[in-house]
Each structure stands twice: as structure tokens, then as C-alpha cells.
């Protein structure tokens, strides 16, 4: 467990970053309900069985943040072996959210989900959770962080621009997207556009594979040689 302090509008907030447990399921489910209201597919919200599987297969990648004893955000991941350019869907890469395909010998931390209650987002908790993942990635000697980021702003422009143009303009800072712009601010960069990644009307079923490279990975590898 690690306590973190953030200041918002000159007011300090004490936050607890820790690994979540099966007992946290009701709180985690509530976080997801508030983060992903309809038309997002409600069947994709965490089930208790999925939380149990996260904790069993990769407890280091099951992380949440508390404020005043209340879970207000979470991030979940697994380790995979990255094959550049190979397309995949969310269901394929995450084992439908159960992460039973977690590969301890892999080279990349793949983010399955990140959720922060809307009323707490101004505190920068999404970035705090992302930093926790970066810490785990460096600590475990992995090469990178990956994840398929939604592009929920795309549906507003889909009849005017193809998805690659949208992604390129957001990456260049010409346009903003609620999710992709956040990931860019967290130091991640787009690798490829993936069609039919998730049943997601706002993103027109597209996602962008976003990468953060471990800056210490090459030095870690040289020490192992």
C-alpha cells in the first residue's frame, strides 16, 4: 500500500493506492457503473468471477485507489508477449476480461481497463493509476505498457473523416478526444488502429493501441547479459 497526496484547488487530498481484493467487488462494480453508463455494453462491467481471476492470476496488476476509505478508481492488467502489428480484439487479448492467458514470461503489461468515478477525475486519479502501472512495469523489468484505448469522440466525426485521420489529428494535438488525449498526456503514444476491438458505439467499434516504453528496459537487459 502506498499513500499519495494530491492538491486540487489548493486543497490537499490523501489517497491510498493498493492492490484490490475479491472483497472489493461491490465497490469496483459501482465504479464501473458510474464510468461506463449505457450505451456502453453493461455486460462488459466486471463480474465477481472476473475479479477473482484477476487476483488469482496477476495480483500485482489489480490496482485501486481509495479516498476516505472509498474505492473511487481502479486499473487492471496482465502480462502478454507483444507481436508488433498483430491485430487483436479486447476479448482475445484479455480472455474476455478473465486474464487466464496472463503470461509471466511475457514482455509487456497490457491494460485491460481503467476506471475513475467522474466526480474524482479532476484530482488526476487516472494519471495516478497509470503511474502505478508504470512502476509495476519498471519493477518487473517489462519492456512496455500497452492497451487499446477507446476513441469516444470519433462518432461525432465519423461521417467526415476516416479513423486514421481522426487518430492522427488527436495525436498531433489538433483535436482532443476524452480518452486518447488523456493517454497522450500520460506519456503513451499510438501504435496502430484496431477495428472491431470492442462493441463500442461512440468509438465506432475502433480502438487505438497505445504504448508507453519503459525507459530503463535497455539498461536492465544489458545487465542481464
Protein backbone atom coordinates (compact mmCIF):
# COMPACT_ATOMS: atom_id res chain seq x y z
CA UNK A 1 0.00 0.00 0.00
CA UNK A 2 1.20 3.49 -0.82
CA UNK A 3 -0.30 6.79 0.29
CA UNK A 4 -0.25 9.63 -2.21
CA UNK A 5 -1.09 13.27 -1.70
CA UNK A 6 -2.55 15.46 -4.40
CA UNK A 7 -3.63 19.09 -4.26
CA UNK A 8 -6.65 20.35 -6.15
CA UNK A 9 -7.77 23.98 -5.94
CA UNK A 10 -5.35 24.42 -3.02
CA UNK A 11 -6.99 21.61 -1.05
CA UNK A 12 -4.89 18.53 -0.16
CA UNK A 13 -6.30 15.03 -0.66
CA UNK A 14 -4.79 11.88 0.84
CA UNK A 15 -5.20 8.85 -1.39
CA UNK A 16 -4.38 5.20 -0.89
CA UNK A 17 -3.09 3.20 -3.85
CA UNK A 18 -3.22 -0.53 -3.26
CA UNK A 19 -3.94 -3.90 -4.86
CA UNK A 20 -7.62 -4.72 -4.85
CA UNK A 21 -9.08 -7.93 -3.45
CA UNK A 22 -12.19 -10.02 -4.12
CA UNK A 23 -13.89 -8.28 -1.18
CA UNK A 24 -13.66 -5.01 -3.13
CA UNK A 25 -16.00 -6.30 -5.84
CA UNK A 26 -19.12 -4.26 -4.87
CA UNK A 27 -17.07 -1.05 -4.82
CA UNK A 28 -15.30 -1.87 -8.08
CA UNK A 29 -18.59 -2.67 -9.77
CA UNK A 30 -20.03 0.66 -8.65
CA UNK A 31 -17.00 2.48 -10.04
CA UNK A 32 -17.57 0.82 -13.40
CA UNK A 33 -21.29 1.55 -13.43
CA UNK A 34 -20.58 5.24 -12.98
CA UNK A 35 -17.73 5.29 -15.50
CA UNK A 36 -19.41 3.32 -18.28
CA UNK A 37 -23.14 4.09 -18.42
CA UNK A 38 -25.25 2.95 -21.34
CA UNK A 39 -24.92 2.77 -24.32
CA UNK A 40 -21.65 1.12 -23.20
CA UNK A 41 -22.41 -2.65 -23.04
CA UNK A 42 -23.25 -3.33 -19.40
CA UNK A 43 -22.31 -7.00 -19.75
CA UNK A 44 -18.69 -5.83 -20.03
CA UNK A 45 -18.70 -4.48 -16.46
CA UNK A 46 -16.71 -6.61 -14.04
CA UNK A 47 -18.29 -9.71 -12.54
CA UNK A 48 -17.19 -11.17 -9.23
CA UNK A 49 -15.74 -14.16 -11.09
CA UNK A 50 -13.54 -11.86 -13.18
CA UNK A 51 -12.27 -10.02 -10.09
CA UNK A 52 -11.43 -13.37 -8.52
CA UNK A 53 -9.50 -14.32 -11.63
CA UNK A 54 -7.57 -11.01 -11.66
CA UNK A 55 -6.47 -11.50 -8.08
CA UNK A 56 -5.56 -15.13 -8.69
CA UNK A 57 -3.57 -14.75 -11.92
CA UNK A 58 -1.90 -11.35 -11.60
CA UNK A 59 -2.47 -9.63 -8.24
CA UNK A 60 0.26 -7.06 -8.98
CA UNK A 61 -1.80 -5.84 -11.92
CA UNK A 62 -5.02 -5.40 -9.93
CA UNK A 63 -4.77 -1.87 -8.53
CA UNK A 64 -7.26 0.54 -6.99
CA UNK A 65 -7.22 3.96 -5.35
CA UNK A 66 -9.16 4.98 -2.23
CA UNK A 67 -10.27 8.32 -0.88
CA UNK A 68 -11.56 8.41 2.72
CA UNK A 69 -11.86 4.62 2.70
CA UNK A 70 -13.91 4.56 -0.51
CA UNK A 71 -12.67 2.91 -3.70
CA UNK A 72 -13.01 5.57 -6.39
CA UNK A 73 -10.91 4.16 -9.23
CA UNK A 74 -9.15 1.06 -10.49
CA UNK A 75 -6.85 -0.26 -13.18
CA UNK A 76 -6.37 -3.87 -14.24
CA UNK A 77 -3.81 -5.59 -16.44
CA UNK A 78 -1.99 -8.75 -17.44
CA UNK A 79 1.38 -9.61 -18.95
CA UNK A 80 1.46 -10.60 -22.62
CA UNK A 81 4.04 -11.28 -25.32
CA UNK A 82 3.84 -8.39 -27.78
CA UNK A 83 3.81 -9.13 -31.52
CA UNK A 84 4.04 -5.76 -33.36
CA UNK A 85 1.38 -5.19 -35.97
CA UNK A 86 -0.70 -8.18 -34.98
CA UNK A 87 -4.36 -7.15 -34.65
CA UNK A 88 -6.48 -8.32 -31.75
CA UNK A 89 -9.75 -7.63 -30.01
CA UNK A 90 -10.30 -6.74 -26.36
CA UNK A 91 -11.87 -10.16 -25.76
CA UNK A 92 -8.96 -12.00 -27.35
CA UNK A 93 -6.15 -10.17 -25.56
CA UNK A 94 -7.87 -10.20 -22.14
CA UNK A 95 -9.52 -13.63 -22.24
CA UNK A 96 -12.90 -11.90 -22.08
CA UNK A 97 -11.71 -9.99 -19.03
CA UNK A 98 -10.68 -13.08 -17.04
CA UNK A 99 -6.92 -12.77 -17.88
CA UNK A 100 -6.39 -16.53 -17.59
CA UNK A 101 -3.99 -16.04 -20.52
CA UNK A 102 -1.65 -13.99 -18.29
CA UNK A 103 1.91 -14.90 -19.33
CA UNK A 104 4.56 -14.34 -16.61
CA UNK A 105 7.27 -14.81 -19.26
CA UNK A 106 5.83 -12.07 -21.50
CA UNK A 107 7.40 -8.67 -22.13
CA UNK A 108 4.51 -6.21 -21.90
CA UNK A 109 1.99 -5.02 -19.33
CA UNK A 110 -1.36 -4.87 -21.13
CA UNK A 111 -4.02 -2.66 -19.56
CA UNK A 112 -7.41 -4.33 -19.52
CA UNK A 113 -9.40 -1.47 -18.00
CA UNK A 114 -9.01 1.85 -16.21
CA UNK A 115 -11.91 3.46 -14.38
CA UNK A 116 -12.23 6.57 -12.22
CA UNK A 117 -15.53 7.87 -10.87
CA UNK A 118 -16.43 11.04 -12.81
CA UNK A 119 -16.60 13.23 -9.71
CA UNK A 120 -12.98 12.34 -8.82
CA UNK A 121 -11.36 12.79 -12.23
CA UNK A 122 -10.37 16.38 -11.55
CA UNK A 123 -7.94 15.06 -8.92
CA UNK A 124 -5.82 13.33 -11.58
CA UNK A 125 -6.53 9.82 -10.32
CA UNK A 126 -6.41 8.31 -13.80
CA UNK A 127 -2.85 9.54 -14.19
CA UNK A 128 -2.04 8.31 -10.69
CA UNK A 129 -3.26 4.82 -11.56
CA UNK A 130 -1.28 4.91 -14.80
CA UNK A 131 1.84 5.85 -12.84
CA UNK A 132 1.25 2.83 -10.61
CA UNK A 133 1.23 0.63 -13.71
CA UNK A 134 4.45 2.23 -14.92
CA UNK A 135 6.01 1.47 -11.53
CA UNK A 136 4.99 -2.19 -11.77
CA UNK A 137 6.30 -2.35 -15.35
CA UNK A 138 9.72 -0.99 -14.34
CA UNK A 139 9.87 -3.09 -11.17
CA UNK A 140 9.11 -6.29 -13.13
CA UNK A 141 11.57 -5.45 -15.91
CA UNK A 142 8.96 -5.34 -18.68
CA UNK A 143 9.59 -3.53 -21.95
CA UNK A 144 6.39 -1.55 -22.26
CA UNK A 145 2.81 -0.82 -21.31
CA UNK A 146 0.14 -1.42 -23.95
CA UNK A 147 -3.61 -1.05 -24.09
CA UNK A 148 -6.39 -0.50 -26.56
CA UNK A 149 -7.68 3.00 -25.92
CA UNK A 150 -11.25 3.96 -26.77
CA UNK A 151 -11.80 6.99 -29.02
CA UNK A 152 -15.29 8.02 -27.89
CA UNK A 153 -15.12 11.34 -29.72
CA UNK A 154 -14.83 9.68 -33.11
CA UNK A 155 -18.54 9.04 -33.69
CA UNK A 156 -19.12 12.79 -33.96
CA UNK A 157 -16.81 13.00 -36.98
CA UNK A 158 -17.03 9.50 -38.45
CA UNK A 159 -19.15 10.65 -41.38
CA UNK A 160 -16.47 13.20 -42.36
CA UNK A 161 -13.13 11.51 -41.57
CA UNK A 162 -11.71 8.01 -41.58
CA UNK A 163 -10.50 6.70 -38.25
CA UNK A 164 -6.77 7.02 -39.05
CA UNK A 165 -7.18 10.71 -39.85
CA UNK A 166 -9.02 11.21 -36.55
CA UNK A 167 -6.28 9.44 -34.61
CA UNK A 168 -3.51 11.36 -36.39
CA UNK A 169 -5.12 14.71 -35.67
CA UNK A 170 -5.66 13.88 -32.00
CA UNK A 171 -2.06 12.66 -31.74
CA UNK A 172 -0.87 15.91 -33.31
CA UNK A 173 -2.84 17.95 -30.79
CA UNK A 174 -5.14 19.45 -33.41
CA UNK A 175 -8.21 17.74 -31.93
CA UNK A 176 -8.96 16.33 -28.49
CA UNK A 177 -10.57 13.05 -27.53
CA UNK A 178 -11.76 12.24 -23.98
CA UNK A 179 -9.70 9.05 -23.73
CA UNK A 180 -6.91 9.26 -26.28
CA UNK A 181 -5.87 12.77 -25.23
CA UNK A 182 -5.72 11.61 -21.61
CA UNK A 183 -3.45 8.71 -22.60
CA UNK A 184 -1.21 11.04 -24.60
CA UNK A 185 -0.85 13.24 -21.52
CA UNK A 186 0.19 10.13 -19.58
CA UNK A 187 3.12 9.64 -21.95
CA UNK A 188 1.62 6.99 -24.20
CA UNK A 189 1.77 7.09 -27.99
CA UNK A 190 -0.41 5.48 -30.69
CA UNK A 191 0.93 2.33 -32.34
CA UNK A 192 -1.93 1.17 -34.54
CA UNK A 193 -5.66 1.49 -35.09
CA UNK A 194 -7.62 -1.68 -34.43
CA UNK A 195 -11.04 -2.28 -35.97
CA UNK A 196 -13.76 -4.26 -34.18
CA UNK A 197 -11.80 -4.07 -30.93
CA UNK A 198 -14.86 -3.67 -28.75
CA UNK A 199 -18.60 -3.26 -29.13
CA UNK A 200 -18.44 0.50 -28.61
CA UNK A 201 -20.85 2.80 -30.46
CA UNK A 202 -19.05 6.02 -29.52
CA UNK A 203 -15.75 4.72 -30.91
CA UNK A 204 -17.48 3.09 -33.90
CA UNK A 205 -16.00 -0.18 -32.56
CA UNK A 206 -12.45 1.08 -33.08
CA UNK A 207 -9.61 1.43 -30.59
CA UNK A 208 -6.04 2.70 -30.72
CA UNK A 209 -3.23 0.57 -29.38
CA UNK A 210 -1.30 2.97 -27.15
CA UNK A 211 2.23 2.30 -25.88
CA UNK A 212 4.45 3.55 -23.07
CA UNK A 213 8.04 2.31 -23.33
CA UNK A 214 9.99 1.52 -20.19
CA UNK A 215 12.95 3.95 -20.34
CA UNK A 216 15.01 1.65 -18.14
CA UNK A 217 14.43 -1.55 -20.12
CA UNK A 218 17.58 -1.45 -22.29
CA UNK A 219 19.85 -0.90 -19.28
CA UNK A 220 18.11 -3.73 -17.44
CA UNK A 221 18.68 -6.05 -20.39
CA UNK A 222 22.36 -5.10 -20.65
CA UNK A 223 22.87 -6.03 -17.02
CA UNK A 224 21.39 -9.48 -17.62
CA UNK A 225 23.77 -10.24 -20.50
